[in-house]
Amino acid sequence: MKEFLIFTNKHKDPELVVTQRIREYLEAHAARVSIHVLQSDWKQTGDPGVCVFADTVECVLVLGGDGTVLKAARQMMDVQVPIIGVNLGNLGYMTEIDVDCLEDSLDKLLEDQFETERRMMLEGCVHFADGGSQAGHCLNDIVISRIGSLQIMKFDIKVNGRFLNEYSGDGMIVTTPTGSTGYNLSAGGPIVEPGARMIMLTPICPHTLNQRSIILSPEDVVEICIPEGKEGQKQQMEVTFDGNHKVQVTTGDRIRVVQSDKVTEFIKINQVSFLDVLHKKLSGKA
């Protein structure tokens, strides 16, 4: 590899010390480097088309944590350039490189000593009762949650056009295998190997004892319909894509979720597996 983009989170690297360290090392080894900076308030600088030689970029180095990786994945999904995370915080599930072994990892990239892994993404489209719509993509999850007063929300779930169940609770998570270790895990959902292909539904604080996560085929079509609430009240909710892109919905609206035709490709340079990282998390060593 000789063409790199550094996608850096200035909140994690405020003086761009690590960013410049990577840039200088790569350029000293005859590589071309461009830098795209996310400010601490998450406003980006530069063209979201990424860099002046975007057509030739071979690798995106994402500096930050899992949240920065998610941001980069959505911005890069149309150009399909493989990404690799550089961990600048706590141990994350999506960051491959530690700063302590930075140069060794960069050498592997320069010498093409790596493998790649493709991760599925989801496409969600909010269909409003007035006929309008708004779509979004995610690598992790789509979360439907309440806004306003603390009251039980109701959802009607359809799969492939057939009614599945009515859920009552604080919300619903539709997640990919990559997102299974995020909000889904906190809500009691299953942990799934991130290279798998499936869609998972996990209710948030369900109001009954028999409502659990449901695992579906990646080819399934999920519809979450927003009915009237208790005593015919109008429900107000929010749909969030990877914790960033937000859309407000209300009674009569519906959210259609399918497997996206986009994927995120991750670069793997270490022998550390997902199960090794999971073991550290579960054992409290992270």
C-alpha atoms as a PDB file:
ATOM      1  CA  MET A   1       0.000   0.000   0.000  1.00  0.00           C
ATOM      2  CA  LYS A   2       1.194   3.480  -0.864  1.00  0.00           C
ATOM      3  CA  GLU A   3      -1.948   5.664  -0.732  1.00  0.00           C
ATOM      4  CA  PHE A   4      -3.410   6.437   2.713  1.00  0.00           C
ATOM      5  CA  LEU A   5      -6.110   8.584   4.258  1.00  0.00           C
ATOM      6  CA  ILE A   6      -5.925   9.405   7.970  1.00  0.00           C
ATOM      7  CA  PHE A   7      -9.426   9.936   9.396  1.00  0.00           C
ATOM      8  CA  THR A   8      -8.794  11.410  12.839  1.00  0.00           C
ATOM      9  CA  ASN A   9     -10.974  12.430  15.785  1.00  0.00           C
ATOM     10  CA  LYS A  10      -9.543  15.662  17.215  1.00  0.00           C
ATOM     11  CA  HIS A  11     -11.257  14.978  20.533  1.00  0.00           C
ATOM     12  CA  LYS A  12      -9.038  11.888  20.889  1.00  0.00           C
ATOM     13  CA  ASP A  13      -5.938  13.443  19.308  1.00  0.00           C
ATOM     14  CA  PRO A  14      -6.375  17.167  20.171  1.00  0.00           C
ATOM     15  CA  GLU A  15      -2.913  18.323  19.067  1.00  0.00           C
ATOM     16  CA  LEU A  16      -2.835  15.833  16.174  1.00  0.00           C
ATOM     17  CA  VAL A  17       0.347  14.349  17.636  1.00  0.00           C
ATOM     18  CA  VAL A  18      -0.470  10.770  16.631  1.00  0.00           C
ATOM     19  CA  THR A  19      -1.873  11.931  13.318  1.00  0.00           C
ATOM     20  CA  GLN A  20       1.376  13.703  12.391  1.00  0.00           C
ATOM     21  CA  ARG A  21       3.445  10.785  13.676  1.00  0.00           C
ATOM     22  CA  ILE A  22       1.653   8.461  11.276  1.00  0.00           C
ATOM     23  CA  ARG A  23       1.854  10.911   8.418  1.00  0.00           C
ATOM     24  CA  GLU A  24       5.600  11.491   8.828  1.00  0.00           C
ATOM     25  CA  TYR A  25       6.337   7.777   9.073  1.00  0.00           C
ATOM     26  CA  LEU A  26       4.314   6.879   5.990  1.00  0.00           C
ATOM     27  CA  GLU A  27       5.716   9.725   3.909  1.00  0.00           C
ATOM     28  CA  ALA A  28       9.245   8.745   4.968  1.00  0.00           C
ATOM     29  CA  HIS A  29       8.461   5.377   3.361  1.00  0.00           C
ATOM     30  CA  ALA A  30       7.393   6.925   0.045  1.00  0.00           C
ATOM     31  CA  ALA A  31       3.643   6.783   0.725  1.00  0.00           C
ATOM     32  CA  ARG A  32       1.122   9.520  -0.042  1.00  0.00           C
ATOM     33  CA  VAL A  33      -1.047  10.687   2.843  1.00  0.00           C
ATOM     34  CA  SER A  34      -4.142  12.871   3.194  1.00  0.00           C
ATOM     35  CA  ILE A  35      -5.779  13.894   6.480  1.00  0.00           C
ATOM     36  CA  HIS A  36      -9.492  14.300   7.282  1.00  0.00           C
ATOM     37  CA  VAL A  37     -10.229  15.776  10.737  1.00  0.00           C
ATOM     38  CA  LEU A  38     -13.326  15.415  12.883  1.00  0.00           C
ATOM     39  CA  GLN A  39     -13.463  18.269  15.397  1.00  0.00           C
ATOM     40  CA  SER A  40     -14.290  17.593  19.055  1.00  0.00           C
ATOM     41  CA  ASP A  41     -17.853  18.815  18.417  1.00  0.00           C
ATOM     42  CA  TRP A  42     -18.119  16.218  15.623  1.00  0.00           C
ATOM     43  CA  LYS A  43     -18.197  18.845  12.892  1.00  0.00           C
ATOM     44  CA  GLN A  44     -15.932  17.758  10.090  1.00  0.00           C
ATOM     45  CA  THR A  45     -13.340  19.750   8.216  1.00  0.00           C
ATOM     46  CA  GLY A  46     -12.664  19.238   4.574  1.00  0.00           C
ATOM     47  CA  ASP A  47     -14.698  17.661   1.830  1.00  0.00           C
ATOM     48  CA  PRO A  48     -16.763  14.607   2.902  1.00  0.00           C
ATOM     49  CA  GLY A  49     -15.599  13.213  -0.454  1.00  0.00           C
ATOM     50  CA  VAL A  50     -12.494  12.748   1.669  1.00  0.00           C
ATOM     51  CA  CYS A  51      -9.335  13.788  -0.181  1.00  0.00           C
ATOM     52  CA  VAL A  52      -7.836  15.029  -3.406  1.00  0.00           C
ATOM     53  CA  PHE A  53      -6.778  11.572  -4.528  1.00  0.00           C
ATOM     54  CA  ALA A  54      -9.755   9.632  -3.180  1.00  0.00           C
ATOM     55  CA  ASP A  55      -9.907   7.441  -6.286  1.00  0.00           C
ATOM     56  CA  THR A  56      -6.466   6.020  -5.498  1.00  0.00           C
ATOM     57  CA  VAL A  57      -6.684   5.686  -1.685  1.00  0.00           C
ATOM     58  CA  GLU A  58      -5.948   2.107  -0.645  1.00  0.00           C
ATOM     59  CA  CYS A  59      -6.425   2.342   3.117  1.00  0.00           C
ATOM     60  CA  VAL A  60      -8.185   4.560   5.665  1.00  0.00           C
ATOM     61  CA  LEU A  61      -6.504   4.796   9.074  1.00  0.00           C
ATOM     62  CA  VAL A  62      -9.181   5.781  11.600  1.00  0.00           C
ATOM     63  CA  LEU A  63      -7.814   7.402  14.771  1.00  0.00           C
ATOM     64  CA  GLY A  64     -10.123   7.354  17.787  1.00  0.00           C
ATOM     65  CA  GLY A  65     -12.486   4.739  19.135  1.00  0.00           C
ATOM     66  CA  ASP A  66     -15.393   2.644  17.905  1.00  0.00           C
ATOM     67  CA  GLY A  67     -17.563   5.750  17.444  1.00  0.00           C
ATOM     68  CA  THR A  68     -15.020   7.288  15.083  1.00  0.00           C
ATOM     69  CA  VAL A  69     -14.835   4.026  13.144  1.00  0.00           C
ATOM     70  CA  LEU A  70     -18.625   4.084  12.706  1.00  0.00           C
ATOM     71  CA  LYS A  71     -18.470   7.666  11.463  1.00  0.00           C
ATOM     72  CA  ALA A  72     -15.742   6.790   8.969  1.00  0.00           C
ATOM     73  CA  ALA A  73     -17.575   3.683   7.767  1.00  0.00           C
ATOM     74  CA  ARG A  74     -20.670   5.694   6.838  1.00  0.00           C
ATOM     75  CA  GLN A  75     -18.667   8.419   5.105  1.00  0.00           C
ATOM     76  CA  MET A  76     -16.562   5.919   3.146  1.00  0.00           C
ATOM     77  CA  MET A  77     -19.287   3.447   2.175  1.00  0.00           C
ATOM     78  CA  ASP A  78     -19.692   4.803  -1.348  1.00  0.00           C
ATOM     79  CA  VAL A  79     -15.988   4.505  -2.227  1.00  0.00           C
ATOM     80  CA  GLN A  80     -15.491   1.089  -0.555  1.00  0.00           C
ATOM     81  CA  VAL A  81     -11.958   1.659   0.747  1.00  0.00           C
ATOM     82  CA  PRO A  82     -10.846  -0.745   3.522  1.00  0.00           C
ATOM     83  CA  ILE A  83     -10.397   0.805   6.958  1.00  0.00           C
ATOM     84  CA  ILE A  84      -8.338   0.015  10.039  1.00  0.00           C
ATOM     85  CA  GLY A  85      -8.781   1.575  13.476  1.00  0.00           C
ATOM     86  CA  VAL A  86      -6.008   3.035  15.628  1.00  0.00           C
ATOM     87  CA  ASN A  87      -7.070   2.886  19.273  1.00  0.00           C
ATOM     88  CA  LEU A  88      -6.739   6.202  21.124  1.00  0.00           C
ATOM     89  CA  GLY A  89      -8.972   5.320  24.041  1.00  0.00           C
ATOM     90  CA  ASN A  90     -10.278   2.234  25.813  1.00  0.00           C
ATOM     91  CA  LEU A  91     -10.041  -1.157  24.176  1.00  0.00           C
ATOM     92  CA  GLY A  92     -12.618  -1.181  21.403  1.00  0.00           C
ATOM     93  CA  TYR A  93     -14.032  -3.984  19.309  1.00  0.00           C
ATOM     94  CA  MET A  94     -13.295  -2.225  16.010  1.00  0.00           C
ATOM     95  CA  THR A  95      -9.792  -0.807  16.545  1.00  0.00           C
ATOM     96  CA  GLU A  96      -6.939  -3.027  15.379  1.00  0.00           C
ATOM     97  CA  ILE A  97      -3.800  -0.977  16.094  1.00  0.00           C
ATOM     98  CA  ASP A  98      -2.411   0.135  19.475  1.00  0.00           C
ATOM     99  CA  VAL A  99      -0.253   3.263  19.588  1.00  0.00           C
ATOM    100  CA  ASP A 100       2.503   1.324  21.393  1.00  0.00           C
ATOM    101  CA  CYS A 101       3.128  -0.799  18.277  1.00  0.00           C
ATOM    102  CA  LEU A 102       2.195   1.829  15.706  1.00  0.00           C
ATOM    103  CA  GLU A 103       5.264   1.687  13.458  1.00  0.00           C
ATOM    104  CA  ASP A 104       5.278  -2.109  13.306  1.00  0.00           C
ATOM    105  CA  SER A 105       1.644  -2.045  12.230  1.00  0.00           C
ATOM    106  CA  LEU A 106       2.315   0.601   9.583  1.00  0.00           C
ATOM    107  CA  ASP A 107       5.143  -1.549   8.213  1.00  0.00           C
ATOM    108  CA  LYS A 108       2.675  -4.402   7.712  1.00  0.00           C
ATOM    109  CA  LEU A 109       0.341  -2.113   5.792  1.00  0.00           C
ATOM    110  CA  LEU A 110       3.171  -0.797   3.633  1.00  0.00           C
ATOM    111  CA  GLU A 111       4.285  -4.354   2.890  1.00  0.00           C
ATOM    112  CA  ASP A 112       0.748  -5.663   2.244  1.00  0.00           C
ATOM    113  CA  GLN A 113       0.930  -8.094   5.170  1.00  0.00           C
ATOM    114  CA  PHE A 114      -2.745  -8.172   6.098  1.00  0.00           C
ATOM    115  CA  GLU A 115      -6.131  -9.753   5.477  1.00  0.00           C
ATOM    116  CA  THR A 116      -9.512  -8.106   4.973  1.00  0.00           C
ATOM    117  CA  GLU A 117     -12.926  -8.845   6.467  1.00  0.00           C
ATOM    118  CA  ARG A 118     -16.231  -7.626   5.044  1.00  0.00           C
ATOM    119  CA  ARG A 119     -18.978  -6.548   7.458  1.00  0.00           C
ATOM    120  CA  MET A 120     -22.628  -6.205   6.521  1.00  0.00           C
ATOM    121  CA  MET A 121     -24.454  -2.901   6.946  1.00  0.00           C
ATOM    122  CA  LEU A 122     -28.134  -2.041   7.312  1.00  0.00           C
ATOM    123  CA  GLU A 123     -30.249   0.364   5.308  1.00  0.00           C
ATOM    124  CA  GLY A 124     -33.192   1.910   7.099  1.00  0.00           C
ATOM    125  CA  CYS A 125     -35.890   4.058   5.526  1.00  0.00           C
ATOM    126  CA  VAL A 126     -38.409   6.033   7.552  1.00  0.00           C
ATOM    127  CA  HIS A 127     -41.733   6.241   5.709  1.00  0.00           C
ATOM    128  CA  PHE A 128     -43.815   9.101   7.067  1.00  0.00           C
ATOM    129  CA  ALA A 129     -47.588   9.022   7.163  1.00  0.00           C
ATOM    130  CA  ASP A 130     -47.715  12.069   4.861  1.00  0.00           C
ATOM    131  CA  GLY A 131     -45.936  10.141   2.090  1.00  0.00           C
ATOM    132  CA  GLY A 132     -42.397  11.459   2.608  1.00  0.00           C
ATOM    133  CA  SER A 133     -39.389   9.328   3.475  1.00  0.00           C
ATOM    134  CA  GLN A 134     -35.835   9.594   4.804  1.00  0.00           C
ATOM    135  CA  ALA A 135     -33.164   6.910   4.534  1.00  0.00           C
ATOM    136  CA  GLY A 136     -29.914   6.151   6.314  1.00  0.00           C
ATOM    137  CA  HIS A 137     -27.227   3.472   6.568  1.00  0.00           C
ATOM    138  CA  CYS A 138     -25.452   2.007   9.557  1.00  0.00           C
ATOM    139  CA  LEU A 139     -22.695  -0.437  10.415  1.00  0.00           C
ATOM    140  CA  ASN A 140     -23.807  -0.973  14.021  1.00  0.00           C
ATOM    141  CA  ASP A 141     -27.504  -0.455  14.666  1.00  0.00           C
ATOM    142  CA  ILE A 142     -30.743   1.403  14.150  1.00  0.00           C
ATOM    143  CA  VAL A 143     -32.393   2.340  17.446  1.00  0.00           C
ATOM    144  CA  ILE A 144     -36.004   3.423  17.875  1.00  0.00           C
ATOM    145  CA  SER A 145     -36.487   5.124  21.240  1.00  0.00           C
ATOM    146  CA  ARG A 146     -38.945   7.448  22.922  1.00  0.00           C
ATOM    147  CA  ILE A 147     -38.633  11.184  23.223  1.00  0.00           C
ATOM    148  CA  GLY A 148     -40.451  13.304  25.752  1.00  0.00           C
ATOM    149  CA  SER A 149     -42.216  11.887  28.800  1.00  0.00           C
ATOM    150  CA  LEU A 150     -41.289   8.568  30.413  1.00  0.00           C
ATOM    151  CA  GLN A 151     -43.993   6.229  29.193  1.00  0.00           C
ATOM    152  CA  ILE A 152     -44.185   2.775  27.666  1.00  0.00           C
ATOM    153  CA  MET A 153     -43.854   2.740  23.873  1.00  0.00           C
ATOM    154  CA  LYS A 154     -45.723   0.350  21.563  1.00  0.00           C
ATOM    155  CA  PHE A 155     -44.349  -1.128  18.330  1.00  0.00           C
ATOM    156  CA  ASP A 156     -45.855  -3.432  15.745  1.00  0.00           C
ATOM    157  CA  ILE A 157     -43.201  -5.598  14.059  1.00  0.00           C
ATOM    158  CA  LYS A 158     -43.617  -7.142  10.607  1.00  0.00           C
ATOM    159  CA  VAL A 159     -41.138  -9.434   8.860  1.00  0.00           C
ATOM    160  CA  ASN A 160     -41.471  -9.954   5.098  1.00  0.00           C
ATOM    161  CA  GLY A 161     -44.915  -8.369   5.229  1.00  0.00           C
ATOM    162  CA  ARG A 162     -46.238 -10.690   7.942  1.00  0.00           C
ATOM    163  CA  PHE A 163     -47.148  -9.501  11.423  1.00  0.00           C
ATOM    164  CA  LEU A 164     -44.663 -10.856  13.968  1.00  0.00           C
ATOM    165  CA  ASN A 165     -45.500  -9.327  17.329  1.00  0.00           C
ATOM    166  CA  GLU A 166     -46.477  -6.242  19.266  1.00  0.00           C
ATOM    167  CA  TYR A 167     -43.810  -4.965  21.605  1.00  0.00           C
ATOM    168  CA  SER A 168     -44.162  -2.658  24.587  1.00  0.00           C
ATOM    169  CA  GLY A 169     -41.119  -1.098  26.225  1.00  0.00           C
ATOM    170  CA  ASP A 170     -38.595   1.723  25.997  1.00  0.00           C
ATOM    171  CA  GLY A 171     -37.604   1.058  22.402  1.00  0.00           C
ATOM    172  CA  MET A 172     -36.255  -1.370  19.819  1.00  0.00           C
ATOM    173  CA  ILE A 173     -32.745  -2.076  18.500  1.00  0.00           C
ATOM    174  CA  VAL A 174     -32.178  -3.472  15.011  1.00  0.00           C
ATOM    175  CA  THR A 175     -28.545  -4.507  14.851  1.00  0.00           C
ATOM    176  CA  THR A 176     -25.894  -6.122  12.681  1.00  0.00           C
ATOM    177  CA  PRO A 177     -23.391  -8.666  14.044  1.00  0.00           C
ATOM    178  CA  THR A 178     -20.868  -5.814  14.312  1.00  0.00           C
ATOM    179  CA  GLY A 179     -23.331  -3.895  16.482  1.00  0.00           C
ATOM    180  CA  SER A 180     -24.098  -6.864  18.718  1.00  0.00           C
ATOM    181  CA  THR A 181     -21.432  -5.707  21.214  1.00  0.00           C
ATOM    182  CA  GLY A 182     -22.856  -2.181  21.429  1.00  0.00           C
ATOM    183  CA  TYR A 183     -26.239  -1.051  22.726  1.00  0.00           C
ATOM    184  CA  ASN A 184     -27.608  -4.499  21.861  1.00  0.00           C
ATOM    185  CA  LEU A 185     -25.296  -6.067  24.459  1.00  0.00           C
ATOM    186  CA  SER A 186     -26.316  -3.540  27.119  1.00  0.00           C
ATOM    187  CA  ALA A 187     -29.979  -4.350  26.400  1.00  0.00           C
ATOM    188  CA  GLY A 188     -29.384  -8.075  26.965  1.00  0.00           C
ATOM    189  CA  GLY A 189     -29.095  -9.086  23.309  1.00  0.00           C
ATOM    190  CA  PRO A 190     -26.841 -11.875  21.994  1.00  0.00           C
ATOM    191  CA  ILE A 191     -23.159 -11.424  21.107  1.00  0.00           C
ATOM    192  CA  VAL A 192     -22.439 -12.451  17.507  1.00  0.00           C
ATOM    193  CA  GLU A 193     -19.180 -12.903  15.623  1.00  0.00           C
ATOM    194  CA  PRO A 194     -18.918  -9.680  13.565  1.00  0.00           C
ATOM    195  CA  GLY A 195     -18.192 -11.408  10.250  1.00  0.00           C
ATOM    196  CA  ALA A 196     -21.550 -13.211  10.350  1.00  0.00           C
ATOM    197  CA  ARG A 197     -24.578 -12.104   8.313  1.00  0.00           C
ATOM    198  CA  MET A 198     -27.866 -11.713  10.166  1.00  0.00           C
ATOM    199  CA  ILE A 199     -30.295  -9.104  11.457  1.00  0.00           C
ATOM    200  CA  MET A 200     -31.173  -8.997  15.156  1.00  0.00           C
ATOM    201  CA  LEU A 201     -34.111  -7.378  16.918  1.00  0.00           C
ATOM    202  CA  THR A 202     -33.649  -6.592  20.611  1.00  0.00           C
ATOM    203  CA  PRO A 203     -36.348  -4.808  22.640  1.00  0.00           C
ATOM    204  CA  ILE A 204     -35.178  -2.180  25.138  1.00  0.00           C
ATOM    205  CA  CYS A 205     -36.589  -2.819  28.620  1.00  0.00           C
ATOM    206  CA  PRO A 206     -39.580  -4.846  27.370  1.00  0.00           C
ATOM    207  CA  HIS A 207     -42.699  -4.557  29.506  1.00  0.00           C
ATOM    208  CA  THR A 208     -43.332  -8.321  29.572  1.00  0.00           C
ATOM    209  CA  LEU A 209     -41.268 -11.320  30.646  1.00  0.00           C
ATOM    210  CA  ASN A 210     -41.490 -13.307  27.406  1.00  0.00           C
ATOM    211  CA  GLN A 211     -40.096 -10.810  24.894  1.00  0.00           C
ATOM    212  CA  ARG A 212     -36.533 -11.610  23.848  1.00  0.00           C
ATOM    213  CA  SER A 213     -34.190 -10.918  20.970  1.00  0.00           C
ATOM    214  CA  ILE A 214     -35.053 -12.380  17.582  1.00  0.00           C
ATOM    215  CA  ILE A 215     -32.412 -13.369  15.019  1.00  0.00           C
ATOM    216  CA  LEU A 216     -33.405 -13.114  11.360  1.00  0.00           C
ATOM    217  CA  SER A 217     -31.895 -13.915   7.984  1.00  0.00           C
ATOM    218  CA  PRO A 218     -29.991 -11.066   6.283  1.00  0.00           C
ATOM    219  CA  GLU A 219     -32.467 -11.329   3.401  1.00  0.00           C
ATOM    220  CA  ASP A 220     -35.465 -10.599   5.643  1.00  0.00           C
ATOM    221  CA  VAL A 221     -37.331  -7.294   5.466  1.00  0.00           C
ATOM    222  CA  VAL A 222     -38.202  -5.772   8.842  1.00  0.00           C
ATOM    223  CA  GLU A 223     -40.915  -3.162   9.310  1.00  0.00           C
ATOM    224  CA  ILE A 224     -41.467  -1.357  12.602  1.00  0.00           C
ATOM    225  CA  CYS A 225     -44.800   0.429  12.649  1.00  0.00           C
ATOM    226  CA  ILE A 226     -45.703   3.131  15.173  1.00  0.00           C
ATOM    227  CA  PRO A 227     -49.332   2.663  16.298  1.00  0.00           C
ATOM    228  CA  GLU A 228     -51.343   4.777  18.709  1.00  0.00           C
ATOM    229  CA  GLY A 229     -50.246   4.622  22.312  1.00  0.00           C
ATOM    230  CA  LYS A 230     -52.185   4.031  25.485  1.00  0.00           C
ATOM    231  CA  GLU A 231     -55.761   5.335  25.319  1.00  0.00           C
ATOM    232  CA  GLY A 232     -55.242   6.425  21.715  1.00  0.00           C
ATOM    233  CA  GLN A 233     -52.427   8.840  22.495  1.00  0.00           C
ATOM    234  CA  LYS A 234     -50.070   9.944  19.728  1.00  0.00           C
ATOM    235  CA  GLN A 235     -46.606   8.452  20.163  1.00  0.00           C
ATOM    236  CA  GLN A 236     -43.410  10.454  19.566  1.00  0.00           C
ATOM    237  CA  MET A 237     -40.161   8.568  18.907  1.00  0.00           C
ATOM    238  CA  GLU A 238     -36.690   8.988  17.472  1.00  0.00           C
ATOM    239  CA  VAL A 239     -34.857   6.763  14.996  1.00  0.00           C
ATOM    240  CA  THR A 240     -31.063   6.866  15.371  1.00  0.00           C
ATOM    241  CA  PHE A 241     -28.556   5.445  12.883  1.00  0.00           C
ATOM    242  CA  ASP A 242     -25.274   4.430  14.572  1.00  0.00           C
ATOM    243  CA  GLY A 243     -25.931   6.915  17.384  1.00  0.00           C
ATOM    244  CA  ASN A 244     -25.494   9.925  15.099  1.00  0.00           C
ATOM    245  CA  HIS A 245     -28.049  10.453  12.315  1.00  0.00           C
ATOM    246  CA  LYS A 246     -31.450  11.058  13.953  1.00  0.00           C
ATOM    247  CA  VAL A 247     -34.987  11.168  12.543  1.00  0.00           C
ATOM    248  CA  GLN A 248     -38.150  11.900  14.543  1.00  0.00           C
ATOM    249  CA  VAL A 249     -41.207   9.708  13.950  1.00  0.00           C
ATOM    250  CA  THR A 250     -44.747   9.617  15.259  1.00  0.00           C
ATOM    251  CA  THR A 251     -47.919   7.509  15.162  1.00  0.00           C
ATOM    252  CA  GLY A 252     -48.651   6.387  11.600  1.00  0.00           C
ATOM    253  CA  ASP A 253     -45.003   6.330  10.514  1.00  0.00           C
ATOM    254  CA  ARG A 254     -43.030   3.143   9.857  1.00  0.00           C
ATOM    255  CA  ILE A 255     -39.367   2.161   9.597  1.00  0.00           C
ATOM    256  CA  ARG A 256     -38.305  -0.363   6.958  1.00  0.00           C
ATOM    257  CA  VAL A 257     -34.943  -2.078   7.547  1.00  0.00           C
ATOM    258  CA  VAL A 258     -33.064  -4.320   5.110  1.00  0.00           C
ATOM    259  CA  GLN A 259     -29.528  -5.477   4.527  1.00  0.00           C
ATOM    260  CA  SER A 260     -27.665  -2.698   2.716  1.00  0.00           C
ATOM    261  CA  ASP A 261     -25.970  -3.247  -0.608  1.00  0.00           C
ATOM    262  CA  LYS A 262     -23.015  -1.423   0.996  1.00  0.00           C
ATOM    263  CA  VAL A 263     -20.434  -3.190   3.139  1.00  0.00           C
ATOM    264  CA  THR A 264     -17.575  -2.053   5.354  1.00  0.00           C
ATOM    265  CA  GLU A 265     -14.252  -3.742   4.740  1.00  0.00           C
ATOM    266  CA  PHE A 266     -11.886  -3.976   7.711  1.00  0.00           C
ATOM    267  CA  ILE A 267      -8.155  -4.632   7.503  1.00  0.00           C
ATOM    268  CA  LYS A 268      -6.797  -7.292   9.867  1.00  0.00           C
ATOM    269  CA  ILE A 269      -3.061  -7.286  10.624  1.00  0.00           C
ATOM    270  CA  ASN A 270      -2.972  -8.997  14.025  1.00  0.00           C
ATOM    271  CA  GLN A 271      -3.596 -12.550  15.119  1.00  0.00           C
ATOM    272  CA  VAL A 272      -5.844 -11.313  17.924  1.00  0.00           C
ATOM    273  CA  SER A 273      -9.326 -12.644  17.213  1.00  0.00           C
ATOM    274  CA  PHE A 274     -12.716 -11.235  18.091  1.00  0.00           C
ATOM    275  CA  LEU A 275     -12.968 -13.933  20.762  1.00  0.00           C
ATOM    276  CA  ASP A 276      -9.695 -12.748  22.348  1.00  0.00           C
ATOM    277  CA  VAL A 277     -11.024  -9.193  22.564  1.00  0.00           C
ATOM    278  CA  LEU A 278     -14.353 -10.484  23.882  1.00  0.00           C
ATOM    279  CA  HIS A 279     -12.556 -12.513  26.561  1.00  0.00           C
ATOM    280  CA  LYS A 280     -10.754  -9.376  27.774  1.00  0.00           C
ATOM    281  CA  LYS A 281     -14.010  -7.457  27.896  1.00  0.00           C
ATOM    282  CA  LEU A 282     -15.947 -10.157  29.714  1.00  0.00           C
ATOM    283  CA  SER A 283     -13.151 -10.834  32.199  1.00  0.00           C
ATOM    284  CA  GLY A 284     -12.778  -7.153  33.047  1.00  0.00           C
ATOM    285  CA  LYS A 285      -9.199  -6.947  31.742  1.00  0.00           C
ATOM    286  CA  ALA A 286     -10.008  -4.246  29.167  1.00  0.00           C
END
